[in-house]
Amino acid sequence: MTVKSNAFRDGLKDGIPICLGYLAVSFAFGIQAVSSGLTVFQATLISLSNLTSAGQFAGLGVIAASGSLLEMAGVQFIINLRYMLMSAAISQKLSPDVSTLKRMGIAFGMTDEVFGISAARPGHLEPAYSAGAIIIATFGWTLGTFLGAYSGEILPAGLISALGVALYGMFIAIVIPVARDDKNIMLTALAAMLMSAAFTFLPYLNRISSGFRIIIVTVVTAGVAAALFPVSETEEGAVCE
């Protein structure tokens, strides 16, 4: 087998756990998409063309609230900004001979998990490896969305509501472990929760649409946290390695 074939196979293999994880998360997205008024086809197409869990869930909130295109663009830009940074970092692991088109393809499929396995790959990163990981991850995310959306059309409303609670449990499961180990993250998460509650219950602030709430809360809490709890160059270097 050629080097490219081996790299593609390794990407598929390393992407299987990501695929299985995406199946569960995107299933919840599919259910919520249908409950927000989207069709099965629309929900599936969104996942196939986006591959961004937080961005898609936030986008559903904007759609459900009949938000503007400006709100949608702002929410997606803020939430998905990290993928631009991840793609820029991964591009340093690619050979200078890799074409711009291939780099764009890798950037399109870049997620937190794909970034993790790509950054851990020793030596130069083969585009074939990224292609294998992205293909299997996209398959799991899209299939899970389709199954969730289809189930949302045939399952009882009570069961759908119960399954929707699992989505919040997923986010809690993501935040709690890292917040428990890092008090700075815990303080940032609590600040975001309090600020979000203020926008929900306080007069005048509760008139702001959900889309702009997400933008304001994300920018303010992330900016303040970055200023108060900067990452040292030693810690940053350890992460990049």
C-alpha atoms as a PDB file:
ATOM      1  CA  MET A   1       0.000   0.000   0.000  1.00  0.00           C
ATOM      2  CA  THR A   2       1.155   3.563  -0.720  1.00  0.00           C
ATOM      3  CA  VAL A   3       1.871   6.152   1.925  1.00  0.00           C
ATOM      4  CA  LYS A   4      -1.347   7.986   1.020  1.00  0.00           C
ATOM      5  CA  SER A   5      -3.410   4.802   1.298  1.00  0.00           C
ATOM      6  CA  ASN A   6      -1.924   4.034   4.692  1.00  0.00           C
ATOM      7  CA  ALA A   7      -2.554   7.593   5.875  1.00  0.00           C
ATOM      8  CA  PHE A   8      -6.173   7.494   4.648  1.00  0.00           C
ATOM      9  CA  ARG A   9      -6.735   4.176   6.409  1.00  0.00           C
ATOM     10  CA  ASP A  10      -5.230   5.545   9.620  1.00  0.00           C
ATOM     11  CA  GLY A  11      -7.497   8.581   9.385  1.00  0.00           C
ATOM     12  CA  LEU A  12     -10.558   6.374   9.009  1.00  0.00           C
ATOM     13  CA  LYS A  13      -9.494   4.223  11.954  1.00  0.00           C
ATOM     14  CA  ASP A  14      -8.730   7.158  14.242  1.00  0.00           C
ATOM     15  CA  GLY A  15     -11.980   8.822  13.195  1.00  0.00           C
ATOM     16  CA  ILE A  16     -14.233   5.898  14.185  1.00  0.00           C
ATOM     17  CA  PRO A  17     -14.550   6.972  17.856  1.00  0.00           C
ATOM     18  CA  ILE A  18     -15.342  10.501  16.648  1.00  0.00           C
ATOM     19  CA  CYS A  19     -17.975   9.095  14.296  1.00  0.00           C
ATOM     20  CA  LEU A  20     -19.665   7.166  17.104  1.00  0.00           C
ATOM     21  CA  GLY A  21     -19.643  10.186  19.394  1.00  0.00           C
ATOM     22  CA  TYR A  22     -21.091  12.391  16.670  1.00  0.00           C
ATOM     23  CA  LEU A  23     -23.919   9.906  16.104  1.00  0.00           C
ATOM     24  CA  ALA A  24     -25.228  10.500  19.608  1.00  0.00           C
ATOM     25  CA  VAL A  25     -24.850  14.281  19.605  1.00  0.00           C
ATOM     26  CA  SER A  26     -26.248  14.838  16.103  1.00  0.00           C
ATOM     27  CA  PHE A  27     -29.211  12.593  16.913  1.00  0.00           C
ATOM     28  CA  ALA A  28     -30.230  15.207  19.491  1.00  0.00           C
ATOM     29  CA  PHE A  29     -29.652  17.953  16.920  1.00  0.00           C
ATOM     30  CA  GLY A  30     -31.921  16.189  14.418  1.00  0.00           C
ATOM     31  CA  ILE A  31     -34.732  15.942  16.970  1.00  0.00           C
ATOM     32  CA  GLN A  32     -34.398  19.584  17.946  1.00  0.00           C
ATOM     33  CA  ALA A  33     -34.226  20.693  14.297  1.00  0.00           C
ATOM     34  CA  VAL A  34     -37.538  19.022  13.471  1.00  0.00           C
ATOM     35  CA  SER A  35     -39.151  20.418  16.625  1.00  0.00           C
ATOM     36  CA  SER A  36     -37.975  23.881  15.465  1.00  0.00           C
ATOM     37  CA  GLY A  37     -39.885  23.502  12.203  1.00  0.00           C
ATOM     38  CA  LEU A  38     -37.226  22.153   9.827  1.00  0.00           C
ATOM     39  CA  THR A  39     -37.801  19.158   7.582  1.00  0.00           C
ATOM     40  CA  VAL A  40     -35.717  15.989   7.714  1.00  0.00           C
ATOM     41  CA  PHE A  41     -33.994  16.994   4.468  1.00  0.00           C
ATOM     42  CA  GLN A  42     -33.204  20.500   5.716  1.00  0.00           C
ATOM     43  CA  ALA A  43     -31.780  19.238   9.002  1.00  0.00           C
ATOM     44  CA  THR A  44     -29.641  16.631   7.248  1.00  0.00           C
ATOM     45  CA  LEU A  45     -28.379  19.132   4.684  1.00  0.00           C
ATOM     46  CA  ILE A  46     -27.363  21.548   7.459  1.00  0.00           C
ATOM     47  CA  SER A  47     -25.227  18.874   9.119  1.00  0.00           C
ATOM     48  CA  LEU A  48     -23.715  17.722   5.835  1.00  0.00           C
ATOM     49  CA  SER A  49     -22.696  21.241   4.852  1.00  0.00           C
ATOM     50  CA  ASN A  50     -21.657  22.625   8.258  1.00  0.00           C
ATOM     51  CA  LEU A  51     -20.261  20.017  10.664  1.00  0.00           C
ATOM     52  CA  THR A  52     -20.278  22.363  13.658  1.00  0.00           C
ATOM     53  CA  SER A  53     -22.254  21.201  16.666  1.00  0.00           C
ATOM     54  CA  ALA A  54     -22.301  24.389  18.765  1.00  0.00           C
ATOM     55  CA  GLY A  55     -22.867  26.549  15.684  1.00  0.00           C
ATOM     56  CA  GLN A  56     -25.759  24.430  14.473  1.00  0.00           C
ATOM     57  CA  PHE A  57     -27.496  24.323  17.850  1.00  0.00           C
ATOM     58  CA  ALA A  58     -27.089  28.092  18.202  1.00  0.00           C
ATOM     59  CA  GLY A  59     -28.371  28.528  14.659  1.00  0.00           C
ATOM     60  CA  LEU A  60     -31.516  26.617  15.549  1.00  0.00           C
ATOM     61  CA  GLY A  61     -32.136  29.107  18.324  1.00  0.00           C
ATOM     62  CA  VAL A  62     -31.881  31.976  15.859  1.00  0.00           C
ATOM     63  CA  ILE A  63     -34.220  30.204  13.417  1.00  0.00           C
ATOM     64  CA  ALA A  64     -36.757  29.394  16.139  1.00  0.00           C
ATOM     65  CA  ALA A  65     -36.725  33.051  17.254  1.00  0.00           C
ATOM     66  CA  SER A  66     -37.139  34.244  13.639  1.00  0.00           C
ATOM     67  CA  GLY A  67     -33.836  36.054  13.886  1.00  0.00           C
ATOM     68  CA  SER A  68     -32.267  38.031  11.069  1.00  0.00           C
ATOM     69  CA  LEU A  69     -29.542  36.894   8.708  1.00  0.00           C
ATOM     70  CA  LEU A  70     -27.227  39.378  10.410  1.00  0.00           C
ATOM     71  CA  GLU A  71     -27.805  37.659  13.747  1.00  0.00           C
ATOM     72  CA  MET A  72     -27.184  34.273  12.185  1.00  0.00           C
ATOM     73  CA  ALA A  73     -23.956  35.439  10.561  1.00  0.00           C
ATOM     74  CA  GLY A  74     -22.739  37.030  13.791  1.00  0.00           C
ATOM     75  CA  VAL A  75     -23.526  33.960  15.893  1.00  0.00           C
ATOM     76  CA  GLN A  76     -21.804  31.612  13.471  1.00  0.00           C
ATOM     77  CA  PHE A  77     -18.754  33.842  13.157  1.00  0.00           C
ATOM     78  CA  ILE A  78     -18.235  34.120  16.914  1.00  0.00           C
ATOM     79  CA  ILE A  79     -18.929  30.481  17.774  1.00  0.00           C
ATOM     80  CA  ASN A  80     -16.935  29.003  14.891  1.00  0.00           C
ATOM     81  CA  LEU A  81     -14.023  31.447  15.066  1.00  0.00           C
ATOM     82  CA  ARG A  82     -11.942  28.820  16.875  1.00  0.00           C
ATOM     83  CA  TYR A  83     -11.974  26.601  13.792  1.00  0.00           C
ATOM     84  CA  MET A  84     -10.079  29.272  11.865  1.00  0.00           C
ATOM     85  CA  LEU A  85      -7.386  29.241  14.548  1.00  0.00           C
ATOM     86  CA  MET A  86      -7.297  25.422  14.570  1.00  0.00           C
ATOM     87  CA  SER A  87      -6.971  25.318  10.784  1.00  0.00           C
ATOM     88  CA  ALA A  88      -4.150  27.868  10.880  1.00  0.00           C
ATOM     89  CA  ALA A  89      -2.333  25.744  13.470  1.00  0.00           C
ATOM     90  CA  ILE A  90      -2.811  22.504  11.519  1.00  0.00           C
ATOM     91  CA  SER A  91      -1.620  24.153   8.320  1.00  0.00           C
ATOM     92  CA  GLN A  92       1.821  24.378   9.934  1.00  0.00           C
ATOM     93  CA  LYS A  93       1.963  20.576  10.025  1.00  0.00           C
ATOM     94  CA  LEU A  94       1.295  20.282   6.291  1.00  0.00           C
ATOM     95  CA  SER A  95       4.034  20.049   3.715  1.00  0.00           C
ATOM     96  CA  PRO A  96       4.593  23.259   1.728  1.00  0.00           C
ATOM     97  CA  ASP A  97       3.725  21.239  -1.392  1.00  0.00           C
ATOM     98  CA  VAL A  98       0.098  20.726  -0.270  1.00  0.00           C
ATOM     99  CA  SER A  99      -2.199  22.687  -2.579  1.00  0.00           C
ATOM    100  CA  THR A 100      -4.509  25.464  -1.456  1.00  0.00           C
ATOM    101  CA  LEU A 101      -7.555  23.418  -2.477  1.00  0.00           C
ATOM    102  CA  LYS A 102      -6.552  20.570  -0.163  1.00  0.00           C
ATOM    103  CA  ARG A 103      -5.877  23.010   2.643  1.00  0.00           C
ATOM    104  CA  MET A 104      -9.357  24.463   2.166  1.00  0.00           C
ATOM    105  CA  GLY A 105     -10.848  20.975   2.307  1.00  0.00           C
ATOM    106  CA  ILE A 106      -9.081  20.244   5.596  1.00  0.00           C
ATOM    107  CA  ALA A 107     -10.220  23.602   7.005  1.00  0.00           C
ATOM    108  CA  PHE A 108     -13.820  22.870   5.996  1.00  0.00           C
ATOM    109  CA  GLY A 109     -13.852  19.601   7.932  1.00  0.00           C
ATOM    110  CA  MET A 110     -11.927  20.905  10.937  1.00  0.00           C
ATOM    111  CA  THR A 111     -13.622  20.228  14.272  1.00  0.00           C
ATOM    112  CA  ASP A 112     -12.332  20.061  17.838  1.00  0.00           C
ATOM    113  CA  GLU A 113     -11.933  16.282  17.639  1.00  0.00           C
ATOM    114  CA  VAL A 114     -10.387  16.225  14.171  1.00  0.00           C
ATOM    115  CA  PHE A 115      -7.972  18.913  15.315  1.00  0.00           C
ATOM    116  CA  GLY A 116      -7.043  16.798  18.328  1.00  0.00           C
ATOM    117  CA  ILE A 117      -6.084  13.683  16.376  1.00  0.00           C
ATOM    118  CA  SER A 118      -4.434  15.732  13.621  1.00  0.00           C
ATOM    119  CA  ALA A 119      -2.289  17.682  16.084  1.00  0.00           C
ATOM    120  CA  ALA A 120      -1.235  14.414  17.746  1.00  0.00           C
ATOM    121  CA  ARG A 121      -0.120  12.902  14.432  1.00  0.00           C
ATOM    122  CA  PRO A 122       3.708  12.773  14.449  1.00  0.00           C
ATOM    123  CA  GLY A 123       5.670  14.490  11.686  1.00  0.00           C
ATOM    124  CA  HIS A 124       4.113  16.103   8.629  1.00  0.00           C
ATOM    125  CA  LEU A 125       0.354  15.697   8.361  1.00  0.00           C
ATOM    126  CA  GLU A 126      -0.737  13.839   5.241  1.00  0.00           C
ATOM    127  CA  PRO A 127      -3.878  15.374   3.639  1.00  0.00           C
ATOM    128  CA  ALA A 128      -5.063  11.799   3.076  1.00  0.00           C
ATOM    129  CA  TYR A 129      -5.091  11.246   6.851  1.00  0.00           C
ATOM    130  CA  SER A 130      -7.244  14.317   7.371  1.00  0.00           C
ATOM    131  CA  ALA A 131      -9.516  13.232   4.522  1.00  0.00           C
ATOM    132  CA  GLY A 132     -10.104   9.848   6.146  1.00  0.00           C
ATOM    133  CA  ALA A 133     -10.873  11.350   9.546  1.00  0.00           C
ATOM    134  CA  ILE A 134     -13.128  14.061   8.101  1.00  0.00           C
ATOM    135  CA  ILE A 135     -15.088  11.651   5.887  1.00  0.00           C
ATOM    136  CA  ILE A 136     -15.897   9.212   8.697  1.00  0.00           C
ATOM    137  CA  ALA A 137     -16.686  12.066  11.116  1.00  0.00           C
ATOM    138  CA  THR A 138     -18.976  13.768   8.600  1.00  0.00           C
ATOM    139  CA  PHE A 139     -20.713  10.454   7.928  1.00  0.00           C
ATOM    140  CA  GLY A 140     -21.452   9.951  11.631  1.00  0.00           C
ATOM    141  CA  TRP A 141     -22.627  13.528  12.132  1.00  0.00           C
ATOM    142  CA  THR A 142     -24.903  13.493   9.084  1.00  0.00           C
ATOM    143  CA  LEU A 143     -26.311  10.005   9.711  1.00  0.00           C
ATOM    144  CA  GLY A 144     -27.067  10.849  13.341  1.00  0.00           C
ATOM    145  CA  THR A 145     -28.874  14.012  12.270  1.00  0.00           C
ATOM    146  CA  PHE A 146     -30.980  12.114   9.743  1.00  0.00           C
ATOM    147  CA  LEU A 147     -31.924   9.427  12.259  1.00  0.00           C
ATOM    148  CA  GLY A 148     -32.768  12.015  14.906  1.00  0.00           C
ATOM    149  CA  ALA A 149     -34.800  14.153  12.511  1.00  0.00           C
ATOM    150  CA  TYR A 150     -36.689  11.147  11.167  1.00  0.00           C
ATOM    151  CA  SER A 151     -37.362   9.895  14.684  1.00  0.00           C
ATOM    152  CA  GLY A 152     -38.584  13.353  15.627  1.00  0.00           C
ATOM    153  CA  GLU A 153     -41.341  13.028  13.046  1.00  0.00           C
ATOM    154  CA  ILE A 154     -42.594   9.638  14.233  1.00  0.00           C
ATOM    155  CA  LEU A 155     -41.878   9.547  17.993  1.00  0.00           C
ATOM    156  CA  PRO A 156     -44.423  10.850  20.546  1.00  0.00           C
ATOM    157  CA  ALA A 157     -43.996  14.473  21.592  1.00  0.00           C
ATOM    158  CA  GLY A 158     -43.402  13.479  25.229  1.00  0.00           C
ATOM    159  CA  LEU A 159     -40.521  11.205  24.313  1.00  0.00           C
ATOM    160  CA  ILE A 160     -38.985  13.865  22.083  1.00  0.00           C
ATOM    161  CA  SER A 161     -39.067  16.356  24.968  1.00  0.00           C
ATOM    162  CA  ALA A 162     -37.402  13.796  27.221  1.00  0.00           C
ATOM    163  CA  LEU A 163     -34.670  13.146  24.671  1.00  0.00           C
ATOM    164  CA  GLY A 164     -34.135  16.881  24.358  1.00  0.00           C
ATOM    165  CA  VAL A 165     -33.018  16.980  27.993  1.00  0.00           C
ATOM    166  CA  ALA A 166     -30.097  14.738  27.013  1.00  0.00           C
ATOM    167  CA  LEU A 167     -28.708  17.633  24.986  1.00  0.00           C
ATOM    168  CA  TYR A 168     -28.259  19.767  28.095  1.00  0.00           C
ATOM    169  CA  GLY A 169     -26.743  16.786  29.875  1.00  0.00           C
ATOM    170  CA  MET A 170     -24.200  16.517  27.071  1.00  0.00           C
ATOM    171  CA  PHE A 171     -23.109  20.133  27.467  1.00  0.00           C
ATOM    172  CA  ILE A 172     -22.873  19.709  31.245  1.00  0.00           C
ATOM    173  CA  ALA A 173     -20.747  16.601  30.743  1.00  0.00           C
ATOM    174  CA  ILE A 174     -18.393  18.619  28.539  1.00  0.00           C
ATOM    175  CA  VAL A 175     -18.034  21.582  30.884  1.00  0.00           C
ATOM    176  CA  ILE A 176     -17.981  19.990  34.355  1.00  0.00           C
ATOM    177  CA  PRO A 177     -14.793  17.855  34.047  1.00  0.00           C
ATOM    178  CA  VAL A 178     -12.598  20.693  32.757  1.00  0.00           C
ATOM    179  CA  ALA A 179     -14.199  23.227  35.110  1.00  0.00           C
ATOM    180  CA  ARG A 180     -13.499  20.939  38.055  1.00  0.00           C
ATOM    181  CA  ASP A 181      -9.802  20.817  37.140  1.00  0.00           C
ATOM    182  CA  ASP A 182      -9.426  24.501  36.259  1.00  0.00           C
ATOM    183  CA  LYS A 183     -10.998  27.156  38.485  1.00  0.00           C
ATOM    184  CA  ASN A 184     -10.546  29.790  35.764  1.00  0.00           C
ATOM    185  CA  ILE A 185     -12.778  27.810  33.415  1.00  0.00           C
ATOM    186  CA  MET A 186     -15.291  27.315  36.220  1.00  0.00           C
ATOM    187  CA  LEU A 187     -15.427  31.054  36.917  1.00  0.00           C
ATOM    188  CA  THR A 188     -15.814  31.798  33.204  1.00  0.00           C
ATOM    189  CA  ALA A 189     -18.643  29.274  32.842  1.00  0.00           C
ATOM    190  CA  LEU A 190     -20.433  30.654  35.915  1.00  0.00           C
ATOM    191  CA  ALA A 191     -20.042  34.216  34.616  1.00  0.00           C
ATOM    192  CA  ALA A 192     -21.530  33.199  31.266  1.00  0.00           C
ATOM    193  CA  MET A 193     -24.467  31.512  33.046  1.00  0.00           C
ATOM    194  CA  LEU A 194     -25.150  34.560  35.209  1.00  0.00           C
ATOM    195  CA  MET A 195     -24.903  36.924  32.274  1.00  0.00           C
ATOM    196  CA  SER A 196     -27.216  34.745  30.214  1.00  0.00           C
ATOM    197  CA  ALA A 197     -29.720  34.678  33.094  1.00  0.00           C
ATOM    198  CA  ALA A 198     -29.558  38.467  33.287  1.00  0.00           C
ATOM    199  CA  PHE A 199     -30.470  38.735  29.601  1.00  0.00           C
ATOM    200  CA  THR A 200     -33.385  36.378  30.217  1.00  0.00           C
ATOM    201  CA  PHE A 201     -34.980  37.948  33.299  1.00  0.00           C
ATOM    202  CA  LEU A 202     -33.933  41.593  33.596  1.00  0.00           C
ATOM    203  CA  PRO A 203     -36.103  44.311  32.029  1.00  0.00           C
ATOM    204  CA  TYR A 204     -34.889  45.786  28.723  1.00  0.00           C
ATOM    205  CA  LEU A 205     -32.148  43.178  28.467  1.00  0.00           C
ATOM    206  CA  ASN A 206     -34.749  40.449  27.885  1.00  0.00           C
ATOM    207  CA  ARG A 207     -35.898  42.318  24.781  1.00  0.00           C
ATOM    208  CA  ILE A 208     -32.623  41.495  23.021  1.00  0.00           C
ATOM    209  CA  SER A 209     -33.018  38.595  20.601  1.00  0.00           C
ATOM    210  CA  SER A 210     -31.474  35.218  21.434  1.00  0.00           C
ATOM    211  CA  GLY A 211     -28.979  35.490  18.590  1.00  0.00           C
ATOM    212  CA  PHE A 212     -27.466  38.738  19.825  1.00  0.00           C
ATOM    213  CA  ARG A 213     -27.552  37.433  23.404  1.00  0.00           C
ATOM    214  CA  ILE A 214     -25.250  34.590  22.394  1.00  0.00           C
ATOM    215  CA  ILE A 215     -22.893  36.994  20.627  1.00  0.00           C
ATOM    216  CA  ILE A 216     -22.731  39.442  23.562  1.00  0.00           C
ATOM    217  CA  VAL A 217     -22.328  36.783  26.250  1.00  0.00           C
ATOM    218  CA  THR A 218     -19.653  34.914  24.281  1.00  0.00           C
ATOM    219  CA  VAL A 219     -17.583  37.982  23.388  1.00  0.00           C
ATOM    220  CA  VAL A 220     -17.781  39.605  26.832  1.00  0.00           C
ATOM    221  CA  THR A 221     -17.083  36.515  28.953  1.00  0.00           C
ATOM    222  CA  ALA A 222     -14.361  35.211  26.639  1.00  0.00           C
ATOM    223  CA  GLY A 223     -12.720  38.642  26.434  1.00  0.00           C
ATOM    224  CA  VAL A 224     -12.768  39.227  30.175  1.00  0.00           C
ATOM    225  CA  ALA A 225     -11.498  35.692  30.842  1.00  0.00           C
ATOM    226  CA  ALA A 226      -8.646  36.160  28.359  1.00  0.00           C
ATOM    227  CA  ALA A 227      -7.656  39.413  30.072  1.00  0.00           C
ATOM    228  CA  LEU A 228      -7.913  38.072  33.626  1.00  0.00           C
ATOM    229  CA  PHE A 229      -6.620  34.541  33.040  1.00  0.00           C
ATOM    230  CA  PRO A 230      -4.070  34.715  30.203  1.00  0.00           C
ATOM    231  CA  VAL A 231      -2.378  31.483  29.132  1.00  0.00           C
ATOM    232  CA  SER A 232       1.371  31.564  29.689  1.00  0.00           C
ATOM    233  CA  GLU A 233       3.750  30.922  26.789  1.00  0.00           C
ATOM    234  CA  THR A 234       4.858  27.689  28.463  1.00  0.00           C
ATOM    235  CA  GLU A 235       1.297  26.368  28.682  1.00  0.00           C
ATOM    236  CA  GLU A 236       0.549  27.484  25.131  1.00  0.00           C
ATOM    237  CA  GLY A 237       3.620  25.731  23.818  1.00  0.00           C
ATOM    238  CA  ALA A 238       2.657  22.538  25.620  1.00  0.00           C
ATOM    239  CA  VAL A 239      -0.789  22.620  24.022  1.00  0.00           C
ATOM    240  CA  CYS A 240       0.611  23.158  20.526  1.00  0.00           C
ATOM    241  CA  GLU A 241       3.014  20.293  20.926  1.00  0.00           C
END
